[in-house]
Protein backbone atom coordinates (compact mmCIF):
# COMPACT_ATOMS: atom_id res chain seq x y z
CA MET A 1 10.94 4.84 -7.83
CA SER A 2 8.16 2.52 -6.81
CA PRO A 3 4.90 4.24 -5.86
CA TYR A 4 4.57 1.77 -2.99
CA LEU A 5 7.86 2.75 -1.38
CA MET A 6 7.07 6.46 -1.03
CA SER A 7 6.87 8.29 2.27
CA THR A 8 3.85 7.46 4.37
CA THR A 9 3.52 10.88 5.97
CA ALA A 10 0.28 11.64 4.14
CA LEU A 11 -1.13 8.25 5.08
CA ALA A 12 -0.25 8.61 8.74
CA SER A 13 -1.89 12.01 8.92
CA LEU A 14 -5.26 10.43 8.09
CA SER A 15 -5.12 7.95 10.95
CA ASP A 16 -4.09 10.20 13.83
CA ALA A 17 -6.94 9.30 16.15
CA ASP A 18 -10.68 9.04 16.44
CA THR A 19 -12.91 12.12 16.12
CA ALA A 20 -13.15 12.54 19.89
CA THR A 21 -9.49 13.47 20.21
CA VAL A 22 -8.60 14.84 16.77
CA SER A 23 -6.14 17.69 16.72
CA SER A 24 -6.99 20.77 14.70
CA LEU A 25 -4.20 19.91 12.24
CA ALA A 26 -5.60 16.42 11.64
CA ALA A 27 -9.13 17.76 11.28
CA ARG A 28 -7.95 20.30 8.71
CA ARG A 29 -6.09 17.59 6.76
CA ARG A 30 -9.17 15.39 6.73
CA SER A 31 -11.38 18.23 5.59
CA GLN A 32 -9.13 18.81 2.57
CA ILE A 33 -9.29 15.26 1.20
CA THR A 34 -12.04 13.72 -0.89
CA VAL A 35 -13.57 10.29 -0.37
CA ALA A 36 -11.92 9.04 -3.57
CA GLN A 37 -8.52 10.22 -2.34
CA ALA A 38 -9.07 8.53 1.02
CA GLU A 39 -10.02 5.27 -0.72
CA GLN A 40 -6.89 5.50 -2.89
CA LEU A 41 -4.74 6.08 0.19
CA ALA A 42 -6.30 3.02 1.84
CA ALA A 43 -5.53 0.93 -1.26
CA ASP A 44 -1.97 2.24 -1.27
CA ARG A 45 -1.60 1.37 2.41
CA LEU A 46 -2.84 -2.16 1.68
CA ALA A 47 -0.40 -2.45 -1.23
CA VAL A 48 2.52 -1.39 0.97
CA SER A 49 1.47 -3.94 3.58
CA LEU A 50 1.16 -6.73 1.00
CA LEU A 51 4.53 -5.88 -0.54
CA SER A 52 6.20 -5.97 2.89
CA GLU A 53 4.49 -9.25 3.68
CA PHE A 54 5.66 -10.73 0.37
CA ARG A 55 9.25 -9.62 1.01
CA ALA A 56 9.20 -11.21 4.47
CA ALA A 57 7.82 -14.49 3.11
CA TRP A 58 10.33 -14.45 0.25
CA SER A 59 13.26 -13.92 2.61
CA VAL A 60 12.41 -17.09 4.55
CA GLY A 61 11.23 -19.11 1.54
CA ASP A 62 7.59 -19.41 2.69
CA HIS A 63 6.02 -20.28 -0.67
CA ASP A 64 2.51 -20.74 0.75
CA GLN A 65 2.52 -17.21 2.19
CA MET A 66 4.02 -15.85 -1.03
CA SER A 67 1.17 -17.44 -3.00
CA ALA A 68 -1.44 -16.03 -0.63
CA VAL A 69 0.02 -12.53 -0.95
CA MET A 70 0.15 -12.83 -4.73
CA LEU A 71 -3.55 -13.77 -4.83
CA ALA A 72 -4.37 -10.77 -2.64
CA ALA A 73 -2.24 -8.56 -4.91
CA ILE A 74 -4.12 -9.79 -7.98
CA ASP A 75 -7.43 -8.98 -6.25
CA LEU A 76 -6.15 -5.52 -5.33
CA ASP A 77 -4.97 -4.89 -8.90
CA ARG A 78 -8.41 -5.84 -10.22
CA ALA A 79 -10.17 -3.64 -7.65
CA THR A 80 -8.06 -0.56 -8.45
CA PRO A 81 -7.51 -0.56 -12.23
CA GLY A 82 -6.22 3.03 -12.42
CA SER A 83 -3.40 2.65 -9.92
CA PRO A 84 0.04 1.06 -10.38
CA ARG A 85 -0.06 -2.72 -10.46
CA LEU A 86 1.22 -4.42 -7.33
CA MET A 87 1.93 -7.65 -9.20
CA ASP A 88 4.42 -5.75 -11.37
CA GLU A 89 6.20 -4.69 -8.18
CA ILE A 90 6.23 -8.25 -6.87
CA ARG A 91 7.57 -9.62 -10.17
CA GLY A 92 10.19 -6.88 -10.13
CA LEU A 93 11.65 -8.20 -6.89
CA SER A 94 13.06 -11.24 -8.71
CA THR A 95 14.18 -9.34 -11.81
CA PRO A 96 17.89 -8.48 -11.91
CA ALA A 97 18.51 -4.73 -11.98
CA ALA A 98 19.97 -3.22 -15.12
CA ALA A 99 23.48 -1.91 -14.68
């Protein structure tokens, strides 16, 4: 399964609200995560957004938008070398599935 198509429950828990109205559950979740983990979650959220944007552009044949998303995906892949490559996911969309 693609790492970019996983549940976003953990991501949503980090963006509940601002600190003025944070619930105790959200505050506890935030206190248990490191800065590196938060940065990785932000990169994952961006990757999910880019993948969705690419799919939408592909479905209507918007090649300019597809190119723009691919350039952003390349930049993201370079910025996060340890995580799964988004360009592999994008290339996989046009690869026929094995039976």
